[in-house]
Amino acid sequence: MVDAKMLDKISSAPGFIAALDQSGGSTPGALRLYGISESDYQGDEDMFRLMHAMRVRIMSAPAFSGDKVIGTILFERTMDGDVKGQPVPAYLWEDRGVVPFLKIDKGLNAEENGAQTMKPMPELDALLIRGREKGIFGTKMRSVIAHADKAGIAGVVQQQFEVARQIIGQGLMPIIEPEVSIKSTTKQEAETILRDEIAQQLDKLPAGETVMLKLTIPTIADFYAPLIAHKSVVRVVALSGGYSTADACEKLSHNRGMIASFSRALAENLRVTMSDADFNSSLAETIGQIYAASVNKV
């Protein structure tokens, strides 16, 4: 069973979910945006050390609290790390009032039928048990859809729900993330197929089993309203997908019941050279902007 207090916060509190889950492949780009180039570190361990320091700076900033940030998605190494002498999940929940999630996927397979499914996760049960023991509430796993191909999209959604049932069985809350690329030339058509495929899978869930959805902000405002209203959906969150913070927030503000789960857009204006005062001020402004787009709808 998922933690009741965390479930109450995630399902009903105003705010958004921060994504601090860049993994090996996306870490160099995140560090470059932060002002750290590949010439500034040697090897993966040094890279991840710098990335963790950036995340700690974000998580410990005054504005990063459960008042506006209701949840955070963590990379596995971040989950295993510390903040101010405390394990990260405990620090987030006990000190900040932020519900911790864990990114569990191991990357993407090659594109087939216009979509990329997730690579195998043979050690998933062990990771889920370890996460649960560390205080993790839920998980997130990402697939990518590039084209409006029914077979490809159906395959992505079927795999996502199969793994989701495994996660539910371990007492955790799955966030299902079939991302439609914002660069897709058939984005709107892909979203139509995706909505129908997700609805079919939701209808098959046993009574009492629930999931969360993380979706690209749709081309048509409120397009995912039927999924948001589904009895088996705890919450629908939006990924920024490469949009700037301003664009992502503007688009999100037109989608009622959908809150943010931004990664790149959250850290877009943060730089390693900033003083703590400037860093905290910039992050507070961005958090306020994302919170407003999640809560105040046009």
C-alpha atoms as a PDB file:
ATOM      1  CA  MET A   1       0.000   0.000   0.000  1.00  0.00           C
ATOM      2  CA  VAL A   2       1.230   3.486  -0.820  1.00  0.00           C
ATOM      3  CA  ASP A   3       1.793   5.956   2.023  1.00  0.00           C
ATOM      4  CA  ALA A   4      -1.612   7.528   2.832  1.00  0.00           C
ATOM      5  CA  LYS A   5      -0.271  10.965   3.804  1.00  0.00           C
ATOM      6  CA  MET A   6       1.867  11.194   0.667  1.00  0.00           C
ATOM      7  CA  LEU A   7      -1.071  10.037  -1.474  1.00  0.00           C
ATOM      8  CA  ASP A   8      -3.291  12.737   0.014  1.00  0.00           C
ATOM      9  CA  LYS A   9      -0.697  15.403  -0.774  1.00  0.00           C
ATOM     10  CA  ILE A  10      -0.088  14.227  -4.346  1.00  0.00           C
ATOM     11  CA  SER A  11      -3.754  13.764  -5.169  1.00  0.00           C
ATOM     12  CA  SER A  12      -5.169  16.984  -3.756  1.00  0.00           C
ATOM     13  CA  ALA A  13      -2.578  19.614  -2.809  1.00  0.00           C
ATOM     14  CA  PRO A  14      -2.041  22.620  -5.098  1.00  0.00           C
ATOM     15  CA  GLY A  15       1.397  22.720  -6.692  1.00  0.00           C
ATOM     16  CA  PHE A  16       3.588  20.810  -9.107  1.00  0.00           C
ATOM     17  CA  ILE A  17       6.134  17.988  -9.277  1.00  0.00           C
ATOM     18  CA  ALA A  18       9.767  18.901  -9.919  1.00  0.00           C
ATOM     19  CA  ALA A  19      11.807  16.531 -12.095  1.00  0.00           C
ATOM     20  CA  LEU A  20      15.400  16.172 -10.877  1.00  0.00           C
ATOM     21  CA  ASP A  21      15.948  12.869 -12.637  1.00  0.00           C
ATOM     22  CA  GLN A  22      18.404  13.507 -15.456  1.00  0.00           C
ATOM     23  CA  SER A  23      20.382  10.274 -15.837  1.00  0.00           C
ATOM     24  CA  GLY A  24      23.685   9.425 -17.527  1.00  0.00           C
ATOM     25  CA  GLY A  25      22.751  10.414 -21.058  1.00  0.00           C
ATOM     26  CA  SER A  26      21.101  13.729 -20.219  1.00  0.00           C
ATOM     27  CA  THR A  27      23.407  14.796 -17.375  1.00  0.00           C
ATOM     28  CA  PRO A  28      26.095  16.504 -19.511  1.00  0.00           C
ATOM     29  CA  GLY A  29      23.450  18.691 -21.157  1.00  0.00           C
ATOM     30  CA  ALA A  30      21.927  19.615 -17.801  1.00  0.00           C
ATOM     31  CA  LEU A  31      25.356  20.555 -16.458  1.00  0.00           C
ATOM     32  CA  ARG A  32      26.139  22.635 -19.559  1.00  0.00           C
ATOM     33  CA  LEU A  33      22.925  24.579 -19.040  1.00  0.00           C
ATOM     34  CA  TYR A  34      24.032  25.121 -15.434  1.00  0.00           C
ATOM     35  CA  GLY A  35      27.388  26.471 -16.643  1.00  0.00           C
ATOM     36  CA  ILE A  36      29.600  23.394 -16.188  1.00  0.00           C
ATOM     37  CA  SER A  37      31.241  22.138 -19.388  1.00  0.00           C
ATOM     38  CA  GLU A  38      32.555  18.609 -20.047  1.00  0.00           C
ATOM     39  CA  SER A  39      36.100  19.945 -19.682  1.00  0.00           C
ATOM     40  CA  ASP A  40      35.326  20.797 -16.052  1.00  0.00           C
ATOM     41  CA  TYR A  41      35.106  17.175 -14.899  1.00  0.00           C
ATOM     42  CA  GLN A  42      36.814  13.836 -15.466  1.00  0.00           C
ATOM     43  CA  GLY A  43      34.656  10.733 -15.903  1.00  0.00           C
ATOM     44  CA  ASP A  44      31.192   9.744 -14.754  1.00  0.00           C
ATOM     45  CA  GLU A  45      31.829   9.815 -11.015  1.00  0.00           C
ATOM     46  CA  ASP A  46      33.012  13.419 -11.140  1.00  0.00           C
ATOM     47  CA  MET A  47      30.078  14.315 -13.404  1.00  0.00           C
ATOM     48  CA  PHE A  48      27.527  12.783 -11.046  1.00  0.00           C
ATOM     49  CA  ARG A  49      29.175  14.454  -8.040  1.00  0.00           C
ATOM     50  CA  LEU A  50      28.681  17.857  -9.666  1.00  0.00           C
ATOM     51  CA  MET A  51      25.123  16.973 -10.658  1.00  0.00           C
ATOM     52  CA  HIS A  52      24.302  15.933  -7.112  1.00  0.00           C
ATOM     53  CA  ALA A  53      25.718  19.202  -5.781  1.00  0.00           C
ATOM     54  CA  MET A  54      23.420  21.100  -8.159  1.00  0.00           C
ATOM     55  CA  ARG A  55      20.405  19.077  -7.037  1.00  0.00           C
ATOM     56  CA  VAL A  56      21.239  19.596  -3.377  1.00  0.00           C
ATOM     57  CA  ARG A  57      21.413  23.327  -4.010  1.00  0.00           C
ATOM     58  CA  ILE A  58      17.935  23.192  -5.570  1.00  0.00           C
ATOM     59  CA  MET A  59      16.373  20.911  -2.948  1.00  0.00           C
ATOM     60  CA  SER A  60      17.697  22.963  -0.037  1.00  0.00           C
ATOM     61  CA  ALA A  61      16.665  26.362  -1.455  1.00  0.00           C
ATOM     62  CA  PRO A  62      14.009  28.138   0.654  1.00  0.00           C
ATOM     63  CA  ALA A  63      11.412  28.163  -2.145  1.00  0.00           C
ATOM     64  CA  PHE A  64      11.745  24.427  -2.764  1.00  0.00           C
ATOM     65  CA  SER A  65       9.139  23.324  -0.231  1.00  0.00           C
ATOM     66  CA  GLY A  66       5.849  21.495  -0.130  1.00  0.00           C
ATOM     67  CA  ASP A  67       3.938  24.759  -0.282  1.00  0.00           C
ATOM     68  CA  LYS A  68       4.387  24.811  -4.060  1.00  0.00           C
ATOM     69  CA  VAL A  69       6.532  21.767  -4.934  1.00  0.00           C
ATOM     70  CA  ILE A  70       4.389  18.802  -3.877  1.00  0.00           C
ATOM     71  CA  GLY A  71       6.661  16.103  -5.322  1.00  0.00           C
ATOM     72  CA  THR A  72      10.080  15.475  -6.826  1.00  0.00           C
ATOM     73  CA  ILE A  73      11.298  12.790  -9.236  1.00  0.00           C
ATOM     74  CA  LEU A  74      14.803  11.565  -8.401  1.00  0.00           C
ATOM     75  CA  PHE A  75      17.537   9.776 -10.312  1.00  0.00           C
ATOM     76  CA  GLU A  76      18.640   6.558  -8.566  1.00  0.00           C
ATOM     77  CA  ARG A  77      21.990   8.040  -7.535  1.00  0.00           C
ATOM     78  CA  THR A  78      20.189  11.036  -6.043  1.00  0.00           C
ATOM     79  CA  MET A  79      17.930   8.742  -4.029  1.00  0.00           C
ATOM     80  CA  ASP A  80      21.037   7.052  -2.645  1.00  0.00           C
ATOM     81  CA  GLY A  81      22.683  10.382  -1.753  1.00  0.00           C
ATOM     82  CA  ASP A  82      22.424  12.722   1.225  1.00  0.00           C
ATOM     83  CA  VAL A  83      21.338  16.291   1.869  1.00  0.00           C
ATOM     84  CA  LYS A  84      22.719  17.911   5.017  1.00  0.00           C
ATOM     85  CA  GLY A  85      23.490  14.506   6.499  1.00  0.00           C
ATOM     86  CA  GLN A  86      20.043  13.034   5.758  1.00  0.00           C
ATOM     87  CA  PRO A  87      19.081  10.518   3.054  1.00  0.00           C
ATOM     88  CA  VAL A  88      17.517  12.475   0.194  1.00  0.00           C
ATOM     89  CA  PRO A  89      13.993  10.915   0.370  1.00  0.00           C
ATOM     90  CA  ALA A  90      13.767  11.506   4.132  1.00  0.00           C
ATOM     91  CA  TYR A  91      15.036  15.076   3.788  1.00  0.00           C
ATOM     92  CA  LEU A  92      12.488  15.848   1.079  1.00  0.00           C
ATOM     93  CA  TRP A  93       9.475  14.488   2.950  1.00  0.00           C
ATOM     94  CA  GLU A  94      10.344  15.188   6.585  1.00  0.00           C
ATOM     95  CA  ASP A  95      12.105  18.549   6.189  1.00  0.00           C
ATOM     96  CA  ARG A  96      10.543  19.991   3.044  1.00  0.00           C
ATOM     97  CA  GLY A  97       7.124  18.328   2.798  1.00  0.00           C
ATOM     98  CA  VAL A  98       7.911  17.130  -0.741  1.00  0.00           C
ATOM     99  CA  VAL A  99       6.860  13.632  -1.862  1.00  0.00           C
ATOM    100  CA  PRO A 100       9.771  11.642  -3.393  1.00  0.00           C
ATOM    101  CA  PHE A 101       9.462   9.641  -6.625  1.00  0.00           C
ATOM    102  CA  LEU A 102      12.127   7.548  -8.389  1.00  0.00           C
ATOM    103  CA  LYS A 103      12.965   7.345 -12.092  1.00  0.00           C
ATOM    104  CA  ILE A 104      13.211   3.612 -12.839  1.00  0.00           C
ATOM    105  CA  ASP A 105      13.615   3.186 -16.597  1.00  0.00           C
ATOM    106  CA  LYS A 106      16.997   2.279 -18.074  1.00  0.00           C
ATOM    107  CA  GLY A 107      16.664   4.163 -21.336  1.00  0.00           C
ATOM    108  CA  LEU A 108      14.974   3.577 -24.668  1.00  0.00           C
ATOM    109  CA  ASN A 109      15.047   0.929 -27.356  1.00  0.00           C
ATOM    110  CA  ALA A 110      15.634   1.914 -30.998  1.00  0.00           C
ATOM    111  CA  GLU A 111      12.647   3.486 -32.733  1.00  0.00           C
ATOM    112  CA  GLU A 112      10.156   1.043 -34.197  1.00  0.00           C
ATOM    113  CA  ASN A 113       6.777   1.955 -35.693  1.00  0.00           C
ATOM    114  CA  GLY A 114       7.442   5.599 -34.848  1.00  0.00           C
ATOM    115  CA  ALA A 115       7.986   4.970 -31.140  1.00  0.00           C
ATOM    116  CA  GLN A 116      10.614   3.949 -28.598  1.00  0.00           C
ATOM    117  CA  THR A 117       9.708   1.500 -25.877  1.00  0.00           C
ATOM    118  CA  MET A 118      11.703   1.103 -22.663  1.00  0.00           C
ATOM    119  CA  LYS A 119      14.728  -1.146 -22.404  1.00  0.00           C
ATOM    120  CA  PRO A 120      14.331  -4.284 -20.248  1.00  0.00           C
ATOM    121  CA  MET A 121      14.492  -3.801 -16.459  1.00  0.00           C
ATOM    122  CA  PRO A 122      15.394  -7.268 -15.119  1.00  0.00           C
ATOM    123  CA  GLU A 123      16.307  -5.946 -11.665  1.00  0.00           C
ATOM    124  CA  LEU A 124      13.220  -3.776 -11.263  1.00  0.00           C
ATOM    125  CA  ASP A 125      11.701  -5.609  -8.281  1.00  0.00           C
ATOM    126  CA  ALA A 126      14.911  -5.218  -6.282  1.00  0.00           C
ATOM    127  CA  LEU A 127      15.044  -1.504  -7.114  1.00  0.00           C
ATOM    128  CA  LEU A 128      11.402  -1.023  -6.142  1.00  0.00           C
ATOM    129  CA  ILE A 129      11.937  -2.752  -2.794  1.00  0.00           C
ATOM    130  CA  ARG A 130      15.028  -0.652  -2.114  1.00  0.00           C
ATOM    131  CA  GLY A 131      13.184   2.526  -3.063  1.00  0.00           C
ATOM    132  CA  ARG A 132      10.236   1.693  -0.849  1.00  0.00           C
ATOM    133  CA  GLU A 133      12.561   1.009   2.086  1.00  0.00           C
ATOM    134  CA  LYS A 134      14.193   4.415   1.548  1.00  0.00           C
ATOM    135  CA  GLY A 135      10.846   6.199   1.682  1.00  0.00           C
ATOM    136  CA  ILE A 136      10.064   6.533  -2.029  1.00  0.00           C
ATOM    137  CA  PHE A 137       6.337   6.988  -2.749  1.00  0.00           C
ATOM    138  CA  GLY A 138       6.205   6.303  -6.461  1.00  0.00           C
ATOM    139  CA  THR A 139       8.094   5.844  -9.720  1.00  0.00           C
ATOM    140  CA  LYS A 140       8.397   7.351 -13.175  1.00  0.00           C
ATOM    141  CA  MET A 141       9.233   5.654 -16.479  1.00  0.00           C
ATOM    142  CA  ARG A 142       9.528   7.246 -19.909  1.00  0.00           C
ATOM    143  CA  SER A 143       8.815   6.098 -23.465  1.00  0.00           C
ATOM    144  CA  VAL A 144       8.862   8.339 -26.548  1.00  0.00           C
ATOM    145  CA  ILE A 145       6.422   8.670 -29.451  1.00  0.00           C
ATOM    146  CA  ALA A 146       7.672  10.362 -32.619  1.00  0.00           C
ATOM    147  CA  HIS A 147       4.874   9.641 -35.099  1.00  0.00           C
ATOM    148  CA  ALA A 148       1.147   8.900 -35.160  1.00  0.00           C
ATOM    149  CA  ASP A 149       1.562   5.159 -35.696  1.00  0.00           C
ATOM    150  CA  LYS A 150      -1.184   3.151 -33.980  1.00  0.00           C
ATOM    151  CA  ALA A 151       0.896  -0.023 -33.590  1.00  0.00           C
ATOM    152  CA  GLY A 152       3.849   1.872 -32.175  1.00  0.00           C
ATOM    153  CA  ILE A 153       1.758   3.880 -29.708  1.00  0.00           C
ATOM    154  CA  ALA A 154      -0.226   0.812 -28.617  1.00  0.00           C
ATOM    155  CA  GLY A 155       3.037  -1.009 -27.926  1.00  0.00           C
ATOM    156  CA  VAL A 156       4.345   1.841 -25.795  1.00  0.00           C
ATOM    157  CA  VAL A 157       1.145   2.091 -23.746  1.00  0.00           C
ATOM    158  CA  GLN A 158       0.836  -1.662 -23.261  1.00  0.00           C
ATOM    159  CA  GLN A 159       4.419  -1.899 -21.980  1.00  0.00           C
ATOM    160  CA  GLN A 160       3.913   1.064 -19.656  1.00  0.00           C
ATOM    161  CA  PHE A 161       0.838  -0.487 -18.049  1.00  0.00           C
ATOM    162  CA  GLU A 162       2.452  -3.917 -17.738  1.00  0.00           C
ATOM    163  CA  VAL A 163       5.319  -2.393 -15.758  1.00  0.00           C
ATOM    164  CA  ALA A 164       2.874  -0.188 -13.825  1.00  0.00           C
ATOM    165  CA  ARG A 165       1.104  -3.277 -12.502  1.00  0.00           C
ATOM    166  CA  GLN A 166       4.466  -4.619 -11.311  1.00  0.00           C
ATOM    167  CA  ILE A 167       5.098  -1.309  -9.503  1.00  0.00           C
ATOM    168  CA  ILE A 168       1.636  -1.315  -7.902  1.00  0.00           C
ATOM    169  CA  GLY A 169       2.344  -4.845  -6.699  1.00  0.00           C
ATOM    170  CA  GLN A 170       5.335  -3.497  -4.765  1.00  0.00           C
ATOM    171  CA  GLY A 171       3.214  -0.890  -3.008  1.00  0.00           C
ATOM    172  CA  LEU A 172       4.352   2.120  -5.029  1.00  0.00           C
ATOM    173  CA  MET A 173       2.552   4.652  -7.245  1.00  0.00           C
ATOM    174  CA  PRO A 174       3.555   4.512 -10.939  1.00  0.00           C
ATOM    175  CA  ILE A 175       3.813   7.614 -13.103  1.00  0.00           C
ATOM    176  CA  ILE A 176       3.276   6.450 -16.687  1.00  0.00           C
ATOM    177  CA  GLU A 177       5.108   8.699 -19.153  1.00  0.00           C
ATOM    178  CA  PRO A 178       4.548   8.105 -22.888  1.00  0.00           C
ATOM    179  CA  GLU A 179       6.071  11.356 -24.169  1.00  0.00           C
ATOM    180  CA  VAL A 180       4.900  12.644 -27.548  1.00  0.00           C
ATOM    181  CA  SER A 181       7.776  14.596 -29.074  1.00  0.00           C
ATOM    182  CA  ILE A 182       6.993  18.284 -29.487  1.00  0.00           C
ATOM    183  CA  LYS A 183       8.922  18.046 -32.783  1.00  0.00           C
ATOM    184  CA  SER A 184       6.545  15.442 -34.210  1.00  0.00           C
ATOM    185  CA  THR A 185       4.918  16.468 -37.487  1.00  0.00           C
ATOM    186  CA  THR A 186       1.902  14.371 -36.475  1.00  0.00           C
ATOM    187  CA  LYS A 187       1.741  15.432 -32.816  1.00  0.00           C
ATOM    188  CA  GLN A 188      -2.007  16.072 -32.643  1.00  0.00           C
ATOM    189  CA  GLU A 189      -2.830  12.813 -34.422  1.00  0.00           C
ATOM    190  CA  ALA A 190      -0.454  10.918 -32.116  1.00  0.00           C
ATOM    191  CA  GLU A 191      -2.169  12.451 -29.076  1.00  0.00           C
ATOM    192  CA  THR A 192      -5.552  11.232 -30.311  1.00  0.00           C
ATOM    193  CA  ILE A 193      -4.292   7.661 -30.633  1.00  0.00           C
ATOM    194  CA  LEU A 194      -2.471   7.906 -27.298  1.00  0.00           C
ATOM    195  CA  ARG A 195      -5.526   9.142 -25.401  1.00  0.00           C
ATOM    196  CA  ASP A 196      -7.625   6.255 -26.713  1.00  0.00           C
ATOM    197  CA  GLU A 197      -4.959   3.645 -25.932  1.00  0.00           C
ATOM    198  CA  ILE A 198      -4.450   4.946 -22.393  1.00  0.00           C
ATOM    199  CA  ALA A 199      -8.210   5.021 -21.763  1.00  0.00           C
ATOM    200  CA  GLN A 200      -8.496   1.378 -22.835  1.00  0.00           C
ATOM    201  CA  GLN A 201      -5.707   0.338 -20.475  1.00  0.00           C
ATOM    202  CA  LEU A 202      -7.154   2.367 -17.593  1.00  0.00           C
ATOM    203  CA  ASP A 203     -10.495   0.609 -18.016  1.00  0.00           C
ATOM    204  CA  LYS A 204      -8.714  -2.747 -17.595  1.00  0.00           C
ATOM    205  CA  LEU A 205      -7.153  -1.877 -14.233  1.00  0.00           C
ATOM    206  CA  PRO A 206      -8.647  -3.811 -11.297  1.00  0.00           C
ATOM    207  CA  ALA A 207     -10.811  -1.834  -8.880  1.00  0.00           C
ATOM    208  CA  GLY A 208      -8.700   0.106  -6.417  1.00  0.00           C
ATOM    209  CA  GLU A 209      -5.548   0.184  -8.555  1.00  0.00           C
ATOM    210  CA  THR A 210      -4.506   3.690  -9.564  1.00  0.00           C
ATOM    211  CA  VAL A 211      -1.775   5.364 -11.607  1.00  0.00           C
ATOM    212  CA  MET A 212      -0.514   8.813 -12.468  1.00  0.00           C
ATOM    213  CA  LEU A 213       0.118  10.030 -16.014  1.00  0.00           C
ATOM    214  CA  LYS A 214       2.904  12.294 -17.269  1.00  0.00           C
ATOM    215  CA  LEU A 215       2.084  13.613 -20.721  1.00  0.00           C
ATOM    216  CA  THR A 216       3.284  16.172 -23.221  1.00  0.00           C
ATOM    217  CA  ILE A 217       1.176  19.328 -23.083  1.00  0.00           C
ATOM    218  CA  PRO A 218      -1.460  18.637 -25.757  1.00  0.00           C
ATOM    219  CA  THR A 219      -1.930  20.590 -28.958  1.00  0.00           C
ATOM    220  CA  ILE A 220      -5.617  21.132 -28.135  1.00  0.00           C
ATOM    221  CA  ALA A 221      -6.296  22.605 -24.689  1.00  0.00           C
ATOM    222  CA  ASP A 222      -8.019  20.257 -22.211  1.00  0.00           C
ATOM    223  CA  PHE A 223      -7.584  17.352 -24.641  1.00  0.00           C
ATOM    224  CA  TYR A 224      -6.723  14.987 -21.801  1.00  0.00           C
ATOM    225  CA  ALA A 225      -9.757  15.956 -19.674  1.00  0.00           C
ATOM    226  CA  PRO A 226     -11.274  12.425 -19.971  1.00  0.00           C
ATOM    227  CA  LEU A 227      -8.070  10.906 -18.577  1.00  0.00           C
ATOM    228  CA  ILE A 228      -7.886  13.465 -15.760  1.00  0.00           C
ATOM    229  CA  ALA A 229     -11.446  12.531 -14.783  1.00  0.00           C
ATOM    230  CA  HIS A 230     -10.885   8.749 -14.924  1.00  0.00           C
ATOM    231  CA  LYS A 231     -11.456   6.945 -11.617  1.00  0.00           C
ATOM    232  CA  SER A 232      -8.117   5.113 -11.888  1.00  0.00           C
ATOM    233  CA  VAL A 233      -6.030   8.281 -12.370  1.00  0.00           C
ATOM    234  CA  VAL A 234      -4.662  10.019  -9.273  1.00  0.00           C
ATOM    235  CA  ARG A 235      -3.217  12.987 -11.175  1.00  0.00           C
ATOM    236  CA  VAL A 236      -2.053  14.018 -14.635  1.00  0.00           C
ATOM    237  CA  VAL A 237       1.202  15.958 -14.849  1.00  0.00           C
ATOM    238  CA  ALA A 238       2.839  17.664 -17.815  1.00  0.00           C
ATOM    239  CA  LEU A 239       6.402  17.423 -19.072  1.00  0.00           C
ATOM    240  CA  SER A 240       8.042  20.510 -20.537  1.00  0.00           C
ATOM    241  CA  GLY A 241       9.382  18.534 -23.506  1.00  0.00           C
ATOM    242  CA  GLY A 242      11.994  21.077 -24.549  1.00  0.00           C
ATOM    243  CA  TYR A 243       9.739  24.128 -24.389  1.00  0.00           C
ATOM    244  CA  SER A 244      11.172  27.163 -22.608  1.00  0.00           C
ATOM    245  CA  THR A 245       9.813  27.868 -19.139  1.00  0.00           C
ATOM    246  CA  ALA A 246       7.642  30.700 -20.462  1.00  0.00           C
ATOM    247  CA  ASP A 247       6.215  28.634 -23.331  1.00  0.00           C
ATOM    248  CA  ALA A 248       5.633  25.548 -21.200  1.00  0.00           C
ATOM    249  CA  CYS A 249       3.857  27.564 -18.524  1.00  0.00           C
ATOM    250  CA  GLU A 250       1.713  29.437 -21.041  1.00  0.00           C
ATOM    251  CA  LYS A 251       0.584  26.188 -22.709  1.00  0.00           C
ATOM    252  CA  LEU A 252       0.009  24.440 -19.377  1.00  0.00           C
ATOM    253  CA  SER A 253      -2.165  27.278 -18.087  1.00  0.00           C
ATOM    254  CA  HIS A 254      -4.823  26.365 -20.688  1.00  0.00           C
ATOM    255  CA  ASN A 255      -5.154  22.761 -19.464  1.00  0.00           C
ATOM    256  CA  ARG A 256      -7.415  22.416 -16.428  1.00  0.00           C
ATOM    257  CA  GLY A 257      -6.551  19.689 -13.950  1.00  0.00           C
ATOM    258  CA  MET A 258      -3.050  19.244 -15.373  1.00  0.00           C
ATOM    259  CA  ILE A 259      -0.052  20.261 -13.267  1.00  0.00           C
ATOM    260  CA  ALA A 260       3.601  20.625 -14.175  1.00  0.00           C
ATOM    261  CA  SER A 261       6.398  18.101 -13.826  1.00  0.00           C
ATOM    262  CA  PHE A 262       9.175  20.093 -15.422  1.00  0.00           C
ATOM    263  CA  SER A 263      12.881  19.313 -15.550  1.00  0.00           C
ATOM    264  CA  ARG A 264      14.766  21.526 -17.987  1.00  0.00           C
ATOM    265  CA  ALA A 265      12.268  24.373 -17.534  1.00  0.00           C
ATOM    266  CA  LEU A 266      12.748  24.292 -13.759  1.00  0.00           C
ATOM    267  CA  ALA A 267      16.522  24.798 -13.926  1.00  0.00           C
ATOM    268  CA  GLU A 268      16.652  26.907 -17.092  1.00  0.00           C
ATOM    269  CA  ASN A 269      17.829  30.114 -15.395  1.00  0.00           C
ATOM    270  CA  LEU A 270      20.130  28.614 -12.748  1.00  0.00           C
ATOM    271  CA  ARG A 271      23.921  28.946 -13.037  1.00  0.00           C
ATOM    272  CA  VAL A 272      26.740  27.513 -10.952  1.00  0.00           C
ATOM    273  CA  THR A 273      28.378  30.942 -10.696  1.00  0.00           C
ATOM    274  CA  MET A 274      25.363  32.542  -9.000  1.00  0.00           C
ATOM    275  CA  SER A 275      25.608  33.649  -5.402  1.00  0.00           C
ATOM    276  CA  ASP A 276      23.278  31.773  -3.072  1.00  0.00           C
ATOM    277  CA  ALA A 277      21.051  34.840  -2.874  1.00  0.00           C
ATOM    278  CA  ASP A 278      20.768  35.149  -6.665  1.00  0.00           C
ATOM    279  CA  PHE A 279      20.331  31.385  -7.091  1.00  0.00           C
ATOM    280  CA  ASN A 280      17.553  31.230  -4.507  1.00  0.00           C
ATOM    281  CA  SER A 281      15.847  34.301  -5.929  1.00  0.00           C
ATOM    282  CA  SER A 282      15.916  32.961  -9.494  1.00  0.00           C
ATOM    283  CA  LEU A 283      14.645  29.538  -8.422  1.00  0.00           C
ATOM    284  CA  ALA A 284      11.872  31.112  -6.343  1.00  0.00           C
ATOM    285  CA  GLU A 285      10.730  33.140  -9.357  1.00  0.00           C
ATOM    286  CA  THR A 286      10.658  30.042 -11.592  1.00  0.00           C
ATOM    287  CA  ILE A 287       8.857  27.964  -8.953  1.00  0.00           C
ATOM    288  CA  GLY A 288       6.272  30.731  -8.623  1.00  0.00           C
ATOM    289  CA  GLN A 289       5.800  30.830 -12.385  1.00  0.00           C
ATOM    290  CA  ILE A 290       5.372  27.038 -12.699  1.00  0.00           C
ATOM    291  CA  TYR A 291       3.083  26.930  -9.648  1.00  0.00           C
ATOM    292  CA  ALA A 292       0.848  29.626 -11.128  1.00  0.00           C
ATOM    293  CA  ALA A 293       0.539  27.757 -14.441  1.00  0.00           C
ATOM    294  CA  SER A 294      -0.333  24.563 -12.535  1.00  0.00           C
ATOM    295  CA  VAL A 295      -2.940  26.129 -10.264  1.00  0.00           C
ATOM    296  CA  ASN A 296      -4.367  29.209 -12.006  1.00  0.00           C
ATOM    297  CA  LYS A 297      -5.988  28.203 -15.282  1.00  0.00           C
ATOM    298  CA  VAL A 298      -6.950  30.488 -18.129  1.00  0.00           C
END
